[in-house]
């Protein structure tokens, strides 16, 4: 859908997702006219907004929703959601992801759909070039993790179908089961090559068309409506005229979207978009120096494209960011704050807060405090972690006091009970001061409460705290047991109080 706001001074056109909640507030005085594209389906309920808050919850879950009537809704398949996008006016951008996290970030950024990139998956999963090393099984496994992590439709890179027409059918059926909304199939020989690299070769016209027919048959046999994106690499391998012929033949064979990779000029792109005009066309904006000229979305729409892929942006910036971070760490520094999300932001992206909300729903209302040492250490560790998350607001942080079950008090009166007899009445204090001078931790625990202490302060691993306490057990008042600087530059102090 397109929202067009017009006045005598300006006209604003915005692509609207039928899956993203948006709110739009008219300025005062209101514009002279507000027009909605006739392709808008009023049965799909949503509000309109210009908010780009990545933390705003999406209205739709798993798939786009289509109304049977004003009160009854049915869930659509991923392919159906993608087909709705293809019916919407304008050109639609789709960044290419390579794992579940990058796919989730694409969704949170507000894109309607995304691609998987064989180049990026081969790089991220194998650290190998996209030259046919990665297998059907590895691509399928990675794709399933991706589709399960997002609710937007995902178009999967099916390479050359991993073999002949029979292999193509297996590939398409596997991608359907994995939850893909669409699949890209190309006409390269095996082993295939990245579309903008040297040495590409394509199969014969007949075999290329039979692959698309096999994909259509597999879709019918599966009772699916997966979108088949037919790609030809014959522009660089043979000629422009050959690629145009194959694109027409793919459309006749039942392809839903046509894609000629590595077109070399705007004239070639325009010639491609004129063939089979009713079939949507896909553009590949290879970042960093491919054979196809780079155009912005409005220019691509004018040429005649419907879908636009950005195959290397996410994996490319990830490589550069990791290189910069490693250089910083190697130089004894941390990555600059501007390039590093806070721990809280990372937890939000990964769903920790949602997890905690749901976890509380299943918590027992009558659960009793555990008297086991392991459980109390875990509780202590969680409290320390929660305290550390508030450093930005209160660098000093509160002192963490541990409340122990009353049963431990019985050890004070009877020194014959266990290996820590006589010291349960004493407290062990662990204090950490960062090299920046801020207090990072101040914890007091029962002196006999040692099991799991290294989980809280790893720098105490290998230190025999029990022996130090035995030496000081008879002394009255407090005693400093340890005072040292760890490898991170933090000062660690341990007191027996």
Protein backbone atom coordinates (compact mmCIF):
# COMPACT_ATOMS: atom_id res chain seq x y z
CA UNK A 1 0.00 0.00 0.00
CA UNK A 2 1.08 3.60 -0.56
CA UNK A 3 0.06 6.54 1.57
CA UNK A 4 0.00 9.77 -0.44
CA UNK A 5 -0.39 13.06 1.45
CA UNK A 6 -0.80 16.05 -0.85
CA UNK A 7 -1.07 19.77 -0.37
CA UNK A 8 -0.60 22.76 -2.64
CA UNK A 9 3.03 22.95 -1.52
CA UNK A 10 4.22 19.34 -1.37
CA UNK A 11 3.32 15.73 -1.91
CA UNK A 12 4.60 12.95 0.36
CA UNK A 13 4.43 9.30 -0.70
CA UNK A 14 5.21 6.58 1.81
CA UNK A 15 5.16 2.78 1.32
CA UNK A 16 3.05 1.21 4.05
CA UNK A 17 3.44 -2.32 5.37
CA UNK A 18 0.32 -4.38 5.86
CA UNK A 19 2.27 -6.11 8.61
CA UNK A 20 3.75 -3.21 10.59
CA UNK A 21 1.72 -1.07 13.01
CA UNK A 22 1.98 2.56 11.89
CA UNK A 23 0.47 5.76 13.26
CA UNK A 24 0.06 8.93 11.25
CA UNK A 25 -1.18 12.21 12.70
CA UNK A 26 -2.30 14.87 10.23
CA UNK A 27 -0.70 18.28 10.78
CA UNK A 28 -2.79 21.32 11.57
CA UNK A 29 -4.14 22.71 9.33
CA UNK A 30 -4.82 19.41 7.56
CA UNK A 31 -3.56 18.77 4.02
CA UNK A 32 -5.95 19.37 1.16
CA UNK A 33 -6.26 15.71 0.24
CA UNK A 34 -5.47 12.25 1.60
CA UNK A 35 -5.51 9.45 -0.97
CA UNK A 36 -5.10 5.72 -0.47
CA UNK A 37 -4.07 3.50 -3.34
CA UNK A 38 -7.02 1.53 -4.81
CA UNK A 39 -5.09 -1.68 -4.20
CA UNK A 40 -5.47 -1.16 -0.46
CA UNK A 41 -7.48 -3.93 1.14
CA UNK A 42 -9.73 -2.46 3.85
CA UNK A 43 -10.19 -5.89 5.45
CA UNK A 44 -6.68 -5.70 6.87
CA UNK A 45 -6.90 -3.71 10.08
CA UNK A 46 -4.07 -1.49 11.25
CA UNK A 47 -3.20 2.01 12.34
CA UNK A 48 -0.92 4.32 10.37
CA UNK A 49 2.22 5.81 11.83
CA UNK A 50 5.55 7.32 10.85
CA UNK A 51 7.17 5.90 13.99
CA UNK A 52 10.36 3.94 13.39
CA UNK A 53 10.77 2.77 16.95
CA UNK A 54 12.46 -0.66 16.59
CA UNK A 55 11.06 -1.73 19.94
CA UNK A 56 7.43 -1.24 18.93
CA UNK A 57 5.58 -4.55 18.90
CA UNK A 58 4.29 -5.73 15.57
CA UNK A 59 0.54 -6.20 15.21
CA UNK A 60 0.84 -9.32 13.09
CA UNK A 61 2.25 -12.55 14.46
CA UNK A 62 4.01 -15.16 12.31
CA UNK A 63 2.15 -14.26 9.09
CA UNK A 64 0.14 -11.39 7.69
CA UNK A 65 -3.54 -11.43 8.59
CA UNK A 66 -6.39 -11.34 6.09
CA UNK A 67 -9.96 -10.68 7.15
CA UNK A 68 -12.84 -12.96 6.27
CA UNK A 69 -15.12 -10.27 7.65
CA UNK A 70 -14.91 -7.49 10.21
CA UNK A 71 -14.49 -9.84 13.16
CA UNK A 72 -12.91 -13.06 11.85
CA UNK A 73 -9.28 -13.46 10.84
CA UNK A 74 -7.24 -16.26 9.28
CA UNK A 75 -3.46 -16.66 9.22
CA UNK A 76 -1.72 -16.56 5.87
CA UNK A 77 1.17 -18.71 4.72
CA UNK A 78 4.57 -17.05 4.29
CA UNK A 79 4.16 -17.32 0.51
CA UNK A 80 0.73 -15.66 0.65
CA UNK A 81 2.20 -12.79 2.65
CA UNK A 82 4.95 -12.40 0.05
CA UNK A 83 2.40 -12.45 -2.78
CA UNK A 84 0.53 -9.62 -1.06
CA UNK A 85 3.75 -7.61 -1.05
CA UNK A 86 4.15 -8.27 -4.77
CA UNK A 87 0.63 -6.91 -5.31
CA UNK A 88 1.38 -3.70 -3.44
CA UNK A 89 2.39 -0.65 -5.51
CA UNK A 90 5.96 0.57 -5.56
CA UNK A 91 9.30 -1.15 -5.24
CA UNK A 92 10.11 -3.17 -2.09
CA UNK A 93 13.57 -3.46 -0.55
CA UNK A 94 14.83 -6.71 0.92
CA UNK A 95 18.21 -6.83 2.72
CA UNK A 96 19.87 -10.24 2.64
CA UNK A 97 20.43 -11.98 5.98
CA UNK A 98 22.79 -14.84 6.78
CA UNK A 99 21.62 -16.11 10.17
CA UNK A 100 18.72 -15.83 12.61
CA UNK A 101 20.11 -12.73 14.33
CA UNK A 102 20.62 -10.75 11.13
CA UNK A 103 17.12 -11.76 9.97
CA UNK A 104 15.64 -10.54 13.25
CA UNK A 105 17.42 -7.22 12.86
CA UNK A 106 15.98 -6.86 9.35
CA UNK A 107 12.50 -7.41 10.75
CA UNK A 108 13.04 -4.99 13.64
CA UNK A 109 14.18 -2.35 11.15
CA UNK A 110 10.72 -2.48 9.58
CA UNK A 111 11.35 -4.29 6.29
CA UNK A 112 8.46 -6.29 4.86
CA UNK A 113 10.56 -9.29 3.84
CA UNK A 114 14.16 -10.41 3.46
CA UNK A 115 16.37 -12.70 1.40
CA UNK A 116 18.95 -15.27 2.38
CA UNK A 117 22.26 -14.81 0.61
CA UNK A 118 24.27 -17.87 -0.41
CA UNK A 119 27.36 -15.67 -0.53
CA UNK A 120 26.80 -14.45 3.05
CA UNK A 121 25.79 -17.83 4.47
CA UNK A 122 28.83 -19.48 2.93
CA UNK A 123 30.98 -16.73 4.46
CA UNK A 124 29.36 -16.83 7.92
CA UNK A 125 28.88 -20.59 8.23
CA UNK A 126 31.96 -21.92 6.46
CA UNK A 127 34.26 -18.90 6.07
CA UNK A 128 34.58 -20.04 2.44
CA UNK A 129 33.82 -18.37 -0.89
CA UNK A 130 30.50 -18.79 -2.64
CA UNK A 131 31.87 -21.24 -5.21
CA UNK A 132 29.73 -24.29 -4.57
CA UNK A 133 31.26 -25.38 -1.26
CA UNK A 134 28.08 -25.07 0.77
CA UNK A 135 25.59 -27.91 0.42
CA UNK A 136 21.82 -28.19 0.14
CA UNK A 137 21.61 -29.59 3.69
CA UNK A 138 23.64 -26.74 5.18
CA UNK A 139 21.60 -24.10 3.35
CA UNK A 140 18.36 -25.77 4.42
CA UNK A 141 19.45 -25.99 8.05
CA UNK A 142 20.51 -22.34 8.13
CA UNK A 143 17.33 -21.29 6.36
CA UNK A 144 15.09 -23.08 8.83
CA UNK A 145 16.76 -21.28 11.74
CA UNK A 146 16.18 -17.99 9.91
CA UNK A 147 12.50 -18.52 9.05
CA UNK A 148 11.74 -19.63 12.62
CA UNK A 149 13.25 -16.46 14.06
CA UNK A 150 11.06 -13.93 12.21
CA UNK A 151 7.46 -13.34 11.20
CA UNK A 152 8.20 -11.61 7.89
CA UNK A 153 8.38 -13.72 4.71
CA UNK A 154 11.86 -14.93 3.69
CA UNK A 155 13.01 -15.66 0.12
CA UNK A 156 15.61 -18.42 0.19
CA UNK A 157 18.64 -18.69 -2.09
CA UNK A 158 18.23 -22.13 -3.71
CA UNK A 159 21.37 -21.78 -5.87
CA UNK A 160 21.05 -24.03 -8.94
CA UNK A 161 18.76 -26.51 -7.20
CA UNK A 162 21.78 -28.68 -6.33
CA UNK A 163 21.54 -30.88 -9.39
CA UNK A 164 19.17 -31.86 -12.18
CA UNK A 165 15.40 -31.36 -12.34
CA UNK A 166 14.77 -34.12 -9.78
CA UNK A 167 17.16 -32.44 -7.34
CA UNK A 168 15.36 -29.16 -7.97
CA UNK A 169 12.06 -30.74 -6.92
CA UNK A 170 13.63 -32.03 -3.71
CA UNK A 171 15.15 -28.61 -3.02
CA UNK A 172 11.84 -26.79 -3.51
CA UNK A 173 9.93 -29.22 -1.29
CA UNK A 174 12.61 -28.91 1.40
CA UNK A 175 12.45 -25.11 1.30
CA UNK A 176 8.65 -25.27 1.60
CA UNK A 177 8.93 -27.43 4.73
CA UNK A 178 11.57 -25.07 6.12
CA UNK A 179 9.07 -22.20 6.02
CA UNK A 180 10.40 -20.14 3.12
CA UNK A 181 8.02 -17.80 1.33
CA UNK A 182 9.99 -17.93 -1.91
CA UNK A 183 12.97 -19.60 -3.54
CA UNK A 184 15.52 -18.30 -6.05
CA UNK A 185 16.64 -20.87 -8.63
CA UNK A 186 19.39 -20.17 -11.16
CA UNK A 187 20.62 -21.79 -14.37
CA UNK A 188 24.32 -22.18 -13.52
CA UNK A 189 26.23 -25.43 -13.84
CA UNK A 190 27.75 -27.16 -10.82
CA UNK A 191 29.78 -26.03 -9.04
CA UNK A 192 28.10 -22.65 -9.21
CA UNK A 193 29.77 -19.29 -8.69
CA UNK A 194 28.77 -15.96 -7.19
CA UNK A 195 26.80 -13.94 -9.73
CA UNK A 196 29.30 -11.10 -10.13
CA UNK A 197 32.51 -13.14 -10.13
CA UNK A 198 34.41 -14.66 -13.01
CA UNK A 199 34.10 -18.13 -14.50
CA UNK A 200 30.34 -18.56 -14.55
CA UNK A 201 28.78 -21.08 -16.91
CA UNK A 202 25.12 -21.92 -17.51
CA UNK A 203 23.28 -25.05 -18.53
CA UNK A 204 21.48 -25.37 -21.86
CA UNK A 205 18.24 -23.53 -22.54
CA UNK A 206 16.26 -26.75 -22.33
CA UNK A 207 17.70 -27.80 -18.98
CA UNK A 208 17.28 -24.29 -17.58
CA UNK A 209 13.57 -24.22 -18.45
CA UNK A 210 13.05 -27.77 -17.18
CA UNK A 211 14.42 -26.72 -13.78
CA UNK A 212 11.71 -24.07 -13.48
CA UNK A 213 9.03 -26.51 -14.64
CA UNK A 214 10.25 -29.01 -12.04
CA UNK A 215 10.01 -26.33 -9.36
CA UNK A 216 6.42 -25.53 -10.41
CA UNK A 217 5.55 -29.24 -10.28
CA UNK A 218 7.09 -29.58 -6.81
CA UNK A 219 4.98 -26.65 -5.63
CA UNK A 220 1.80 -28.24 -6.94
CA UNK A 221 2.64 -31.63 -5.45
CA UNK A 222 3.23 -30.00 -2.06
CA UNK A 223 -0.03 -28.04 -2.14
CA UNK A 224 2.04 -24.92 -1.59
CA UNK A 225 2.04 -21.44 -3.09
CA UNK A 226 5.78 -20.74 -2.62
CA UNK A 227 6.98 -17.92 -4.87
CA UNK A 228 9.42 -19.13 -7.53
CA UNK A 229 12.06 -16.56 -8.47
CA UNK A 230 13.71 -17.66 -11.72
CA UNK A 231 17.25 -16.35 -12.14
CA UNK A 232 19.51 -16.52 -15.16
CA UNK A 233 23.26 -15.85 -15.16
CA UNK A 234 23.48 -15.98 -18.93
CA UNK A 235 24.04 -12.21 -19.32
CA UNK A 236 27.70 -12.56 -18.38
CA UNK A 237 28.10 -16.21 -19.38
CA UNK A 238 26.59 -15.79 -22.89
CA UNK A 239 24.93 -12.51 -23.90
CA UNK A 240 22.16 -10.04 -23.12
CA UNK A 241 19.89 -11.46 -25.83
CA UNK A 242 20.29 -14.96 -24.39
CA UNK A 243 19.36 -13.75 -20.91
CA UNK A 244 16.25 -11.99 -22.24
CA UNK A 245 15.20 -15.15 -24.10
CA UNK A 246 15.60 -17.27 -20.96
CA UNK A 247 13.67 -14.79 -18.82
CA UNK A 248 10.71 -15.00 -21.22
CA UNK A 249 10.90 -18.79 -21.22
CA UNK A 250 10.96 -18.88 -17.41
CA UNK A 251 7.82 -16.73 -17.30
CA UNK A 252 6.09 -19.13 -19.72
CA UNK A 253 7.18 -22.07 -17.52
CA UNK A 254 5.36 -20.63 -14.49
CA UNK A 255 7.92 -18.50 -12.65
CA UNK A 256 6.42 -15.83 -10.37
CA UNK A 257 9.36 -13.38 -10.40
CA UNK A 258 12.13 -12.92 -13.00
CA UNK A 259 15.73 -12.07 -12.22
CA UNK A 260 18.65 -11.51 -14.61
CA UNK A 261 21.81 -11.15 -12.58
CA UNK A 262 24.73 -8.86 -13.41
CA UNK A 263 23.06 -6.64 -16.00
CA UNK A 264 25.65 -4.06 -16.96
CA UNK A 265 23.74 -0.83 -17.62
CA UNK A 266 20.49 1.04 -17.13
CA UNK A 267 19.54 0.35 -20.76
CA UNK A 268 19.91 -3.40 -20.16
CA UNK A 269 17.81 -3.17 -17.01
CA UNK A 270 15.08 -1.30 -18.87
CA UNK A 271 15.10 -3.88 -21.67
CA UNK A 272 14.69 -6.65 -19.09
CA UNK A 273 11.76 -4.97 -17.35
CA UNK A 274 9.89 -4.62 -20.66
CA UNK A 275 9.66 -8.37 -21.29
CA UNK A 276 6.70 -10.26 -19.79
CA UNK A 277 5.43 -7.00 -18.26
CA UNK A 278 2.92 -8.70 -15.95
CA UNK A 279 5.65 -10.68 -14.17
CA UNK A 280 7.47 -8.82 -11.33
CA UNK A 281 11.18 -8.22 -11.79
CA UNK A 282 13.92 -8.42 -9.18
CA UNK A 283 17.04 -6.24 -9.04
CA UNK A 284 20.29 -7.10 -7.28
CA UNK A 285 22.13 -4.07 -5.89
CA UNK A 286 25.48 -5.69 -5.19
CA UNK A 287 27.25 -3.37 -2.74
CA UNK A 288 30.90 -2.50 -3.07
CA UNK A 289 31.45 -2.80 -6.80
CA UNK A 290 29.44 -5.33 -8.81
CA UNK A 291 28.69 -5.28 -12.53
CA UNK A 292 25.21 -3.76 -12.14
CA UNK A 293 24.98 0.03 -11.58
CA UNK A 294 23.53 1.04 -8.23
CA UNK A 295 20.23 2.95 -8.26
CA UNK A 296 18.04 4.14 -5.42
CA UNK A 297 14.60 2.55 -4.91
CA UNK A 298 12.69 5.33 -6.69
CA UNK A 299 14.92 5.01 -9.74
CA UNK A 300 14.50 1.24 -9.75
CA UNK A 301 10.73 1.66 -9.57
CA UNK A 302 10.85 3.95 -12.60
CA UNK A 303 12.86 1.35 -14.50
CA UNK A 304 10.21 -1.24 -13.70
CA UNK A 305 11.46 -3.34 -10.78
CA UNK A 306 9.31 -4.69 -7.97
CA UNK A 307 11.82 -6.35 -5.59
CA UNK A 308 15.31 -5.16 -4.70
CA UNK A 309 17.92 -7.32 -2.97
CA UNK A 310 20.91 -5.98 -1.04
CA UNK A 311 23.02 -9.13 -0.72
CA UNK A 312 26.19 -8.00 1.08
CA UNK A 313 25.32 -5.03 3.31
CA UNK A 314 24.82 -6.96 6.55
CA UNK A 315 27.68 -9.44 6.21
CA UNK A 316 29.94 -6.64 4.94
CA UNK A 317 29.39 -4.25 7.83
CA UNK A 318 29.65 -7.20 10.24
CA UNK A 319 33.10 -8.09 8.91
CA UNK A 320 34.33 -4.51 9.18
CA UNK A 321 32.85 -4.02 12.67
CA UNK A 322 34.46 -7.23 13.95
CA UNK A 323 37.82 -6.23 12.47
CA UNK A 324 37.64 -2.83 14.18
CA UNK A 325 36.59 -4.39 17.50
CA UNK A 326 39.44 -6.90 17.41
CA UNK A 327 41.96 -4.14 16.71
CA UNK A 328 40.63 -2.23 19.72
CA UNK A 329 40.84 -5.27 21.99
CA UNK A 330 44.32 -6.13 20.76
CA UNK A 331 45.38 -2.59 21.63
CA UNK A 332 44.11 -2.98 25.19
CA UNK A 333 40.90 -1.05 24.59
CA UNK A 334 37.23 -1.85 24.20
CA UNK A 335 35.24 -1.02 21.06
CA UNK A 336 34.02 2.57 21.14
CA UNK A 337 30.59 3.03 22.78
CA UNK A 338 29.12 4.27 19.52
CA UNK A 339 29.79 0.92 17.84
CA UNK A 340 28.83 -1.33 20.73
CA UNK A 341 25.23 -1.82 21.93
CA UNK A 342 24.74 -1.82 25.67
CA UNK A 343 24.15 -5.15 27.38
CA UNK A 344 20.56 -4.06 27.98
CA UNK A 345 20.05 -3.34 24.27
CA UNK A 346 21.44 -6.71 23.30
CA UNK A 347 19.14 -8.45 25.78
CA UNK A 348 16.15 -6.60 24.36
CA UNK A 349 17.03 -7.58 20.79
CA UNK A 350 17.45 -11.23 21.75
CA UNK A 351 14.21 -11.34 23.71
CA UNK A 352 15.42 -11.66 27.30
CA UNK A 353 12.77 -9.27 28.60
CA UNK A 354 9.98 -11.13 26.82
CA UNK A 355 11.37 -14.38 28.18
CA UNK A 356 11.32 -13.07 31.76
CA UNK A 357 7.73 -11.88 31.33
CA UNK A 358 6.62 -15.28 30.12
CA UNK A 359 8.70 -17.06 32.75
CA UNK A 360 6.79 -15.25 35.49
CA UNK A 361 3.53 -16.58 34.06
CA UNK A 362 4.63 -20.13 34.81
CA UNK A 363 6.23 -19.42 38.20
CA UNK A 364 4.62 -21.22 41.13
CA UNK A 365 2.73 -18.88 43.44
CA UNK A 366 3.46 -21.06 46.49
CA UNK A 367 7.14 -21.79 45.83
CA UNK A 368 9.27 -21.67 49.00
CA UNK A 369 12.83 -20.38 49.36
CA UNK A 370 15.34 -23.16 48.80
CA UNK A 371 17.90 -23.87 51.48
CA UNK A 372 20.33 -25.45 49.07
CA UNK A 373 23.66 -23.70 48.71
CA UNK A 374 23.64 -23.93 44.88
CA UNK A 375 20.25 -22.22 44.65
CA UNK A 376 21.30 -19.37 46.91
CA UNK A 377 24.50 -18.82 44.96
CA UNK A 378 22.48 -18.66 41.75
CA UNK A 379 20.14 -16.14 43.36
CA UNK A 380 23.10 -14.11 44.52
CA UNK A 381 24.63 -14.16 41.05
CA UNK A 382 21.39 -12.98 39.47
CA UNK A 383 21.21 -10.10 41.95
CA UNK A 384 24.80 -9.14 41.18
CA UNK A 385 24.06 -9.20 37.44
CA UNK A 386 20.94 -7.07 37.92
CA UNK A 387 22.97 -4.62 39.97
CA UNK A 388 25.69 -4.36 37.31
CA UNK A 389 23.08 -3.47 34.66
CA UNK A 390 22.31 -0.23 36.55
CA UNK A 391 25.88 1.08 36.39
CA UNK A 392 25.06 3.74 33.81
CA UNK A 393 22.43 5.29 36.10
CA UNK A 394 24.24 4.79 39.42
CA UNK A 395 27.96 4.05 38.95
CA UNK A 396 28.46 3.37 42.65
CA UNK A 397 25.66 0.77 42.79
CA UNK A 398 23.99 -0.46 45.95
CA UNK A 399 25.60 -2.87 48.40
CA UNK A 400 24.24 -6.36 47.85
CA UNK A 401 23.20 -8.06 51.08
CA UNK A 402 22.42 -11.79 51.02
CA UNK A 403 19.56 -12.98 53.23
CA UNK A 404 20.02 -16.62 54.09
CA UNK A 405 17.46 -19.11 55.40
CA UNK A 406 17.10 -19.33 59.15
CA UNK A 407 18.32 -22.91 59.16
CA UNK A 408 21.88 -21.70 58.69
CA UNK A 409 21.77 -19.96 62.04
CA UNK A 410 21.82 -23.36 63.74
CA UNK A 411 25.46 -23.65 62.77
CA UNK A 412 26.34 -20.79 65.11
CA UNK A 413 25.40 -22.73 68.22
CA UNK A 414 26.79 -26.14 67.31
CA UNK A 415 30.33 -26.10 66.00
CA UNK A 416 30.25 -29.80 65.22
CA UNK A 417 28.01 -29.37 62.19
CA UNK A 418 30.00 -29.57 58.98
CA UNK A 419 33.33 -28.35 57.65
CA UNK A 420 32.52 -24.64 58.14
CA UNK A 421 31.70 -24.88 61.83
CA UNK A 422 32.19 -21.74 63.85
CA UNK A 423 32.33 -19.30 60.96
CA UNK A 424 28.67 -19.09 59.90
CA UNK A 425 28.39 -16.14 62.28
CA UNK A 426 31.10 -14.32 60.28
CA UNK A 427 30.59 -12.69 56.89
CA UNK A 428 32.82 -12.69 53.86
CA UNK A 429 32.88 -9.42 51.94
CA UNK A 430 34.02 -9.27 48.31
CA UNK A 431 34.62 -5.80 46.89
CA UNK A 432 35.62 -4.95 43.29
CA UNK A 433 36.75 -1.48 42.29
CA UNK A 434 37.23 -0.83 38.57
CA UNK A 435 40.35 0.74 37.19
CA UNK A 436 38.19 3.80 36.47
CA UNK A 437 37.67 4.23 40.22
CA UNK A 438 34.01 3.21 40.25
CA UNK A 439 32.82 0.51 42.60
CA UNK A 440 31.60 -2.42 40.51
CA UNK A 441 30.64 -4.89 43.23
CA UNK A 442 30.23 -5.02 47.00
CA UNK A 443 28.87 -8.38 48.19
CA UNK A 444 28.52 -9.82 51.68
CA UNK A 445 27.81 -13.53 52.14
CA UNK A 446 28.04 -15.98 55.04
CA UNK A 447 31.67 -16.91 55.52
CA UNK A 448 30.93 -20.59 55.01
CA UNK A 449 29.05 -19.88 51.83
CA UNK A 450 31.94 -20.50 49.41
CA UNK A 451 30.58 -22.93 46.84
CA UNK A 452 30.04 -21.10 43.58
CA UNK A 453 31.92 -17.96 44.66
CA UNK A 454 34.17 -18.16 41.59
CA UNK A 455 31.05 -17.99 39.42
CA UNK A 456 30.53 -14.49 40.79
CA UNK A 457 34.20 -13.41 40.77
CA UNK A 458 36.18 -15.59 38.31
CA UNK A 459 39.43 -13.92 39.40
CA UNK A 460 39.15 -15.82 42.73
CA UNK A 461 39.51 -19.14 40.93
CA UNK A 462 42.46 -21.05 42.35
CA UNK A 463 42.57 -19.04 45.58
CA UNK A 464 42.09 -21.13 48.70
CA UNK A 465 39.67 -18.83 50.56
CA UNK A 466 38.93 -21.57 53.11
CA UNK A 467 42.54 -21.73 54.19
CA UNK A 468 42.76 -17.96 54.55
CA UNK A 469 39.60 -17.96 56.68
CA UNK A 470 40.91 -20.77 58.89
CA UNK A 471 43.99 -18.66 59.67
CA UNK A 472 41.85 -15.67 60.59
CA UNK A 473 38.92 -17.50 62.21
CA UNK A 474 40.03 -16.77 65.76
CA UNK A 475 40.68 -13.08 65.27
CA UNK A 476 38.24 -10.51 66.59
CA UNK A 477 36.91 -7.86 64.21
CA UNK A 478 37.48 -7.61 60.49
CA UNK A 479 40.51 -8.82 58.56
CA UNK A 480 41.63 -8.19 54.98
CA UNK A 481 42.25 -11.61 53.41
CA UNK A 482 43.09 -10.59 49.84
CA UNK A 483 43.92 -7.37 47.99
CA UNK A 484 45.11 -7.64 44.38
CA UNK A 485 44.60 -6.30 40.86
CA UNK A 486 43.31 -8.79 38.29
CA UNK A 487 44.15 -9.01 34.59
CA UNK A 488 41.40 -6.53 33.68
CA UNK A 489 42.87 -3.87 35.95
CA UNK A 490 40.15 -4.19 38.59
CA UNK A 491 41.04 -4.22 42.29
CA UNK A 492 39.74 -7.26 44.17
CA UNK A 493 39.44 -7.06 47.98
CA UNK A 494 38.17 -9.88 50.20
CA UNK A 495 37.46 -9.22 53.92
CA UNK A 496 36.41 -11.49 56.77
CA UNK A 497 34.02 -9.48 58.93
